[in-house]
PDB file of N, CA and C in Angstrom:
ATOM      1  N   MET A   1     116.789  69.892  93.472  1.00  0.00           N
ATOM      2  CA  MET A   1     115.864  69.874  92.210  1.00  0.00           C
ATOM      3  C   MET A   1     114.596  70.496  92.821  1.00  0.00           C
ATOM      4  N   ARG A   2     114.028  70.023  93.724  1.00  0.00           N
ATOM      5  CA  ARG A   2     112.649  70.418  94.178  1.00  0.00           C
ATOM      6  C   ARG A   2     112.744  71.846  94.800  1.00  0.00           C
ATOM      7  N   GLU A   3     113.946  72.118  95.530  1.00  0.00           N
ATOM      8  CA  GLU A   3     114.035  73.600  95.882  1.00  0.00           C
ATOM      9  C   GLU A   3     114.121  74.537  94.907  1.00  0.00           C
ATOM     10  N   LEU A   4     114.820  74.134  93.782  1.00  0.00           N
ATOM     11  CA  LEU A   4     115.093  75.122  92.504  1.00  0.00           C
ATOM     12  C   LEU A   4     113.464  75.156  92.102  1.00  0.00           C
ATOM     13  N   LYS A   5     112.719  74.252  91.849  1.00  0.00           N
ATOM     14  CA  LYS A   5     111.418  74.142  91.367  1.00  0.00           C
ATOM     15  C   LYS A   5     110.571  75.234  92.354  1.00  0.00           C
ATOM     16  N   GLN A   6     110.779  74.973  93.616  1.00  0.00           N
ATOM     17  CA  GLN A   6     109.914  75.877  94.597  1.00  0.00           C
ATOM     18  C   GLN A   6     110.236  77.186  94.433  1.00  0.00           C
ATOM     19  N   ASN A   7     111.516  77.724  94.325  1.00  0.00           N
ATOM     20  CA  ASN A   7     111.785  78.725  94.183  1.00  0.00           C
ATOM     21  C   ASN A   7     111.347  79.531  92.782  1.00  0.00           C
ATOM     22  N   ALA A   8     111.562  78.750  91.757  1.00  0.00           N
ATOM     23  CA  ALA A   8     110.850  79.272  90.551  1.00  0.00           C
ATOM     24  C   ALA A   8     109.478  79.515  90.599  1.00  0.00           C
ATOM     25  N   LEU A   9     108.769  78.554  91.249  1.00  0.00           N
ATOM     26  CA  LEU A   9     107.285  78.818  91.579  1.00  0.00           C
ATOM     27  C   LEU A   9     107.103  80.091  92.426  1.00  0.00           C
ATOM     28  N   ILE A  10     107.846  80.449  93.426  1.00  0.00           N
ATOM     29  CA  ILE A  10     107.514  81.572  94.234  1.00  0.00           C
ATOM     30  C   ILE A  10     107.914  82.810  93.469  1.00  0.00           C
ATOM     31  N   GLU A  11     109.056  82.619  92.863  1.00  0.00           N
ATOM     32  CA  GLU A  11     109.224  83.997  91.837  1.00  0.00           C
ATOM     33  C   GLU A  11     108.294  84.137  90.860  1.00  0.00           C
ATOM     34  N   ASN A  12     107.648  83.049  90.178  1.00  0.00           N
ATOM     35  CA  ASN A  12     106.533  83.250  89.173  1.00  0.00           C
ATOM     36  C   ASN A  12     105.287  83.898  89.871  1.00  0.00           C
ATOM     37  N   ALA A  13     105.091  83.539  91.193  1.00  0.00           N
ATOM     38  CA  ALA A  13     103.796  84.113  91.865  1.00  0.00           C
ATOM     39  C   ALA A  13     104.249  85.525  92.192  1.00  0.00           C
ATOM     40  N   GLU A  14     105.418  85.833  92.642  1.00  0.00           N
ATOM     41  CA  GLU A  14     105.691  87.311  92.831  1.00  0.00           C
ATOM     42  C   GLU A  14     105.547  88.173  91.496  1.00  0.00           C
ATOM     43  N   ARG A  15     106.132  87.673  90.579  1.00  0.00           N
ATOM     44  CA  ARG A  15     106.124  88.610  89.395  1.00  0.00           C
ATOM     45  C   ARG A  15     104.677  88.586  88.717  1.00  0.00           C
ATOM     46  N   GLU A  16     103.842  87.570  89.032  1.00  0.00           N
ATOM     47  CA  GLU A  16     102.439  87.820  88.649  1.00  0.00           C
ATOM     48  C   GLU A  16     101.660  88.685  89.358  1.00  0.00           C
ATOM     49  N   GLY A  17     102.060  88.782  90.478  1.00  0.00           N
ATOM     50  CA  GLY A  17     101.373  89.522  91.585  1.00  0.00           C
ATOM     51  C   GLY A  17     101.666  91.192  91.225  1.00  0.00           C
ATOM     52  N   LYS A  18     103.060  91.179  90.864  1.00  0.00           N
ATOM     53  CA  LYS A  18     103.407  92.623  90.692  1.00  0.00           C
ATOM     54  C   LYS A  18     102.757  92.952  89.350  1.00  0.00           C
ATOM     55  N   ARG A  19     102.544  92.159  88.476  1.00  0.00           N
ATOM     56  CA  ARG A  19     102.182  92.441  87.113  1.00  0.00           C
ATOM     57  C   ARG A  19     100.484  92.908  87.265  1.00  0.00           C
ATOM     58  N   GLN A  20     100.016  92.227  88.145  1.00  0.00           N
ATOM     59  CA  GLN A  20      98.472  92.390  88.485  1.00  0.00           C
ATOM     60  C   GLN A  20      98.331  93.713  89.218  1.00  0.00           C
ATOM     61  N   ARG A  21      99.104  94.105  90.064  1.00  0.00           N
ATOM     62  CA  ARG A  21      99.179  95.286  90.700  1.00  0.00           C
ATOM     63  C   ARG A  21      99.409  96.704  89.680  1.00  0.00           C
ATOM     64  N   ILE A  22     100.270  96.331  88.795  1.00  0.00           N
ATOM     65  CA  ILE A  22     100.517  97.202  87.678  1.00  0.00           C
ATOM     66  C   ILE A  22      99.469  97.330  86.900  1.00  0.00           C
ATOM     67  N   ASP A  23      98.659  96.343  86.333  1.00  0.00           N
ATOM     68  CA  ASP A  23      97.469  96.422  85.420  1.00  0.00           C
ATOM     69  C   ASP A  23      96.390  97.225  86.292  1.00  0.00           C
ATOM     70  N   GLU A  24      96.251  96.976  87.694  1.00  0.00           N
ATOM     71  CA  GLU A  24      95.096  97.701  88.269  1.00  0.00           C
ATOM     72  C   GLU A  24      95.576  99.314  88.339  1.00  0.00           C
ATOM     73  N   MET A  25      96.846  99.440  88.366  1.00  0.00           N
ATOM     74  CA  MET A  25      97.108 101.019  88.672  1.00  0.00           C
ATOM     75  C   MET A  25      96.701 101.511  87.425  1.00  0.00           C
ATOM     76  N   THR A  26      97.283 100.771  86.134  1.00  0.00           N
ATOM     77  CA  THR A  26      97.055 101.325  84.634  1.00  0.00           C
ATOM     78  C   THR A  26      95.751 101.622  84.507  1.00  0.00           C
ATOM     79  N   ASP A  27      94.993 100.535  85.189  1.00  0.00           N
ATOM     80  CA  ASP A  27      93.475 100.693  84.680  1.00  0.00           C
ATOM     81  C   ASP A  27      92.684 101.859  85.390  1.00  0.00           C
ATOM     82  N   PHE A  28      93.326 102.052  86.655  1.00  0.00           N
ATOM     83  CA  PHE A  28      92.725 103.225  87.769  1.00  0.00           C
ATOM     84  C   PHE A  28      93.065 104.527  86.840  1.00  0.00           C
ATOM     85  N   LEU A  29      94.324 104.593  86.261  1.00  0.00           N
ATOM     86  CA  LEU A  29      94.827 106.061  85.699  1.00  0.00           C
ATOM     87  C   LEU A  29      93.918 106.076  84.431  1.00  0.00           C
ATOM     88  N   ASN A  30      93.660 105.194  83.840  1.00  0.00           N
ATOM     89  CA  ASN A  30      93.138 105.245  82.444  1.00  0.00           C
ATOM     90  C   ASN A  30      91.608 105.838  82.962  1.00  0.00           C
ATOM     91  N   GLU A  31      90.928 105.371  83.699  1.00  0.00           N
ATOM     92  CA  GLU A  31      89.888 105.962  84.121  1.00  0.00           C
ATOM     93  C   GLU A  31      89.646 107.516  84.644  1.00  0.00           C
ATOM     94  N   GLN A  32      90.760 107.923  84.912  1.00  0.00           N
ATOM     95  CA  GLN A  32      90.914 109.522  85.374  1.00  0.00           C
ATOM     96  C   GLN A  32      90.364 110.267  84.179  1.00  0.00           C
ATOM     97  N   SER A  33      89.615 111.090  84.254  1.00  0.00           N
ATOM     98  CA  SER A  33      88.976 111.898  83.042  1.00  0.00           C
ATOM     99  C   SER A  33      89.625 113.382  82.913  1.00  0.00           C
ATOM    100  N   CYS A  34      90.670 113.601  83.773  1.00  0.00           N
ATOM    101  CA  CYS A  34      91.232 114.977  83.565  1.00  0.00           C
ATOM    102  C   CYS A  34      92.429 115.101  83.800  1.00  0.00           C
ATOM    103  N   GLU A  35      93.214 116.335  83.652  1.00  0.00           N
ATOM    104  CA  GLU A  35      94.428 116.389  84.261  1.00  0.00           C
ATOM    105  C   GLU A  35      94.422 116.966  85.602  1.00  0.00           C
ATOM    106  N   LEU A  36      95.493 116.606  86.452  1.00  0.00           N
ATOM    107  CA  LEU A  36      95.475 117.075  87.796  1.00  0.00           C
ATOM    108  C   LEU A  36      95.936 118.522  87.765  1.00  0.00           C
ATOM    109  N   GLU A  37      95.217 119.480  88.422  1.00  0.00           N
ATOM    110  CA  GLU A  37      95.454 120.698  88.725  1.00  0.00           C
ATOM    111  C   GLU A  37      95.963 121.140  90.244  1.00  0.00           C
ATOM    112  N   GLU A  38      95.727 120.199  91.023  1.00  0.00           N
ATOM    113  CA  GLU A  38      95.876 120.565  92.474  1.00  0.00           C
ATOM    114  C   GLU A  38      96.278 119.029  93.195  1.00  0.00           C
ATOM    115  N   TYR A  39      96.900 119.033  94.183  1.00  0.00           N
ATOM    116  CA  TYR A  39      97.199 117.834  94.988  1.00  0.00           C
ATOM    117  C   TYR A  39      95.844 117.033  95.225  1.00  0.00           C
ATOM    118  N   ASP A  40      95.967 115.810  95.278  1.00  0.00           N
ATOM    119  CA  ASP A  40      94.690 114.951  95.243  1.00  0.00           C
ATOM    120  C   ASP A  40      95.295 113.876  96.246  1.00  0.00           C
ATOM    121  N   GLU A  41      94.871 113.958  97.632  1.00  0.00           N
ATOM    122  CA  GLU A  41      95.335 113.210  98.742  1.00  0.00           C
ATOM    123  C   GLU A  41      94.835 111.735  98.386  1.00  0.00           C
ATOM    124  N   GLN A  42      93.643 111.493  97.802  1.00  0.00           N
ATOM    125  CA  GLN A  42      92.997 110.024  97.733  1.00  0.00           C
ATOM    126  C   GLN A  42      93.666 109.435  96.558  1.00  0.00           C
ATOM    127  N   LEU A  43      94.162 110.140  95.517  1.00  0.00           N
ATOM    128  CA  LEU A  43      94.947 109.519  94.499  1.00  0.00           C
ATOM    129  C   LEU A  43      96.432 109.251  94.885  1.00  0.00           C
ATOM    130  N   VAL A  44      96.828 110.169  95.814  1.00  0.00           N
ATOM    131  CA  VAL A  44      98.251 109.717  96.257  1.00  0.00           C
ATOM    132  C   VAL A  44      98.126 108.398  97.113  1.00  0.00           C
ATOM    133  N   ARG A  45      97.421 108.316  98.078  1.00  0.00           N
ATOM    134  CA  ARG A  45      97.191 107.114  98.869  1.00  0.00           C
ATOM    135  C   ARG A  45      96.727 106.034  98.252  1.00  0.00           C
ATOM    136  N   ARG A  46      96.053 106.029  96.944  1.00  0.00           N
ATOM    137  CA  ARG A  46      95.863 104.874  96.155  1.00  0.00           C
ATOM    138  C   ARG A  46      97.067 104.331  95.455  1.00  0.00           C
ATOM    139  N   LEU A  47      97.962 105.167  95.037  1.00  0.00           N
ATOM    140  CA  LEU A  47      99.063 104.978  94.231  1.00  0.00           C
ATOM    141  C   LEU A  47     100.263 104.649  94.864  1.00  0.00           C
ATOM    142  N   ILE A  48     100.743 105.556  95.781  1.00  0.00           N
ATOM    143  CA  ILE A  48     102.204 105.666  96.348  1.00  0.00           C
ATOM    144  C   ILE A  48     102.269 104.836  97.627  1.00  0.00           C
ATOM    145  N   GLU A  49     103.261 103.849  97.875  1.00  0.00           N
ATOM    146  CA  GLU A  49     103.540 103.330  98.931  1.00  0.00           C
ATOM    147  C   GLU A  49     104.327 104.106  99.996  1.00  0.00           C
ATOM    148  N   LYS A  50     105.554 104.593  99.385  1.00  0.00           N
ATOM    149  CA  LYS A  50     106.258 105.452 100.143  1.00  0.00           C
ATOM    150  C   LYS A  50     107.168 106.312  99.395  1.00  0.00           C
ATOM    151  N   VAL A  51     107.575 107.562  99.926  1.00  0.00           N
ATOM    152  CA  VAL A  51     108.477 108.443  99.425  1.00  0.00           C
ATOM    153  C   VAL A  51     109.829 108.494 100.425  1.00  0.00           C
ATOM    154  N   THR A  52     111.097 108.231  99.970  1.00  0.00           N
ATOM    155  CA  THR A  52     112.091 108.218 100.696  1.00  0.00           C
ATOM    156  C   THR A  52     112.943 109.545 100.178  1.00  0.00           C
ATOM    157  N   VAL A  53     113.276 110.469 101.037  1.00  0.00           N
ATOM    158  CA  VAL A  53     113.908 111.663 100.854  1.00  0.00           C
ATOM    159  C   VAL A  53     115.449 111.461 100.956  1.00  0.00           C
ATOM    160  N   PHE A  54     116.537 111.822 100.073  1.00  0.00           N
ATOM    161  CA  PHE A  54     117.861 111.815 100.205  1.00  0.00           C
ATOM    162  C   PHE A  54     118.271 113.072  99.785  1.00  0.00           C
ATOM    163  N   ASP A  55     119.570 113.332 100.265  1.00  0.00           N
ATOM    164  CA  ASP A  55     120.199 114.727  99.990  1.00  0.00           C
ATOM    165  C   ASP A  55     119.988 115.273  98.575  1.00  0.00           C
ATOM    166  N   ASP A  56     120.364 114.198  97.462  1.00  0.00           N
ATOM    167  CA  ASP A  56     120.281 114.571  96.042  1.00  0.00           C
ATOM    168  C   ASP A  56     118.897 114.155  95.275  1.00  0.00           C
ATOM    169  N   LYS A  57     118.290 113.304  96.039  1.00  0.00           N
ATOM    170  CA  LYS A  57     117.076 112.826  94.998  1.00  0.00           C
ATOM    171  C   LYS A  57     116.003 112.281  96.032  1.00  0.00           C
ATOM    172  N   LEU A  58     114.759 111.949  95.309  1.00  0.00           N
ATOM    173  CA  LEU A  58     113.606 111.487  96.035  1.00  0.00           C
ATOM    174  C   LEU A  58     113.367 110.208  95.490  1.00  0.00           C
ATOM    175  N   THR A  59     113.154 109.002  96.233  1.00  0.00           N
ATOM    176  CA  THR A  59     112.637 107.947  95.586  1.00  0.00           C
ATOM    177  C   THR A  59     111.306 107.480  95.866  1.00  0.00           C
ATOM    178  N   ILE A  60     110.517 107.252  94.814  1.00  0.00           N
ATOM    179  CA  ILE A  60     109.013 107.009  95.029  1.00  0.00           C
ATOM    180  C   ILE A  60     108.855 105.801  94.753  1.00  0.00           C
ATOM    181  N   GLU A  61     107.985 104.849  95.930  1.00  0.00           N
ATOM    182  CA  GLU A  61     107.722 103.698  95.577  1.00  0.00           C
ATOM    183  C   GLU A  61     106.367 103.391  95.327  1.00  0.00           C
ATOM    184  N   PHE A  62     105.832 103.024  94.324  1.00  0.00           N
ATOM    185  CA  PHE A  62     104.397 102.860  94.061  1.00  0.00           C
ATOM    186  C   PHE A  62     103.916 101.613  94.603  1.00  0.00           C
ATOM    187  N   LYS A  63     102.773 101.543  94.915  1.00  0.00           N
ATOM    188  CA  LYS A  63     102.102 100.165  95.503  1.00  0.00           C
ATOM    189  C   LYS A  63     102.131  99.265  94.604  1.00  0.00           C
ATOM    190  N   SER A  64     102.505  99.465  93.430  1.00  0.00           N
ATOM    191  CA  SER A  64     102.619  98.215  92.326  1.00  0.00           C
ATOM    192  C   SER A  64     104.139  97.581  92.526  1.00  0.00           C
ATOM    193  N   GLY A  65     104.939  98.258  93.248  1.00  0.00           N
ATOM    194  CA  GLY A  65     106.350  97.948  93.264  1.00  0.00           C
ATOM    195  C   GLY A  65     107.281  98.374  92.402  1.00  0.00           C
ATOM    196  N   VAL A  66     106.752  99.648  91.717  1.00  0.00           N
ATOM    197  CA  VAL A  66     107.900  99.922  90.678  1.00  0.00           C
ATOM    198  C   VAL A  66     108.068 101.378  91.634  1.00  0.00           C
ATOM    199  N   GLU A  67     109.565 101.414  91.357  1.00  0.00           N
ATOM    200  CA  GLU A  67     110.240 102.746  91.972  1.00  0.00           C
ATOM    201  C   GLU A  67     110.985 103.365  90.979  1.00  0.00           C
ATOM    202  N   ILE A  68     110.561 104.842  91.424  1.00  0.00           N
ATOM    203  CA  ILE A  68     111.405 105.778  90.157  1.00  0.00           C
ATOM    204  C   ILE A  68     112.157 106.682  91.397  1.00  0.00           C
ATOM    205  N   ASP A  69     113.336 107.426  90.843  1.00  0.00           N
ATOM    206  CA  ASP A  69     113.993 108.510  91.414  1.00  0.00           C
ATOM    207  C   ASP A  69     113.781 109.697  90.622  1.00  0.00           C
ATOM    208  N   VAL A  70     113.496 110.635  91.417  1.00  0.00           N
ATOM    209  CA  VAL A  70     113.388 112.129  90.928  1.00  0.00           C
ATOM    210  C   VAL A  70     114.469 112.922  91.431  1.00  0.00           C
TER     211      VAL A  70
END
């Protein structure tokens, strides 16, 4: 029972951390005043953790933990 409780607490802490990173990313994006017209190195480094290239798609992992396939 203690182990289950400990695992639940860890999962909640991880979920809260992820939620906080998403909120920070959302706040940052809302502060941006214009549309991007060219590549912005600072923006990429602030938002993206890594990009994985496959034969048929790209997987982009944001620092918030969110992943998308393109």
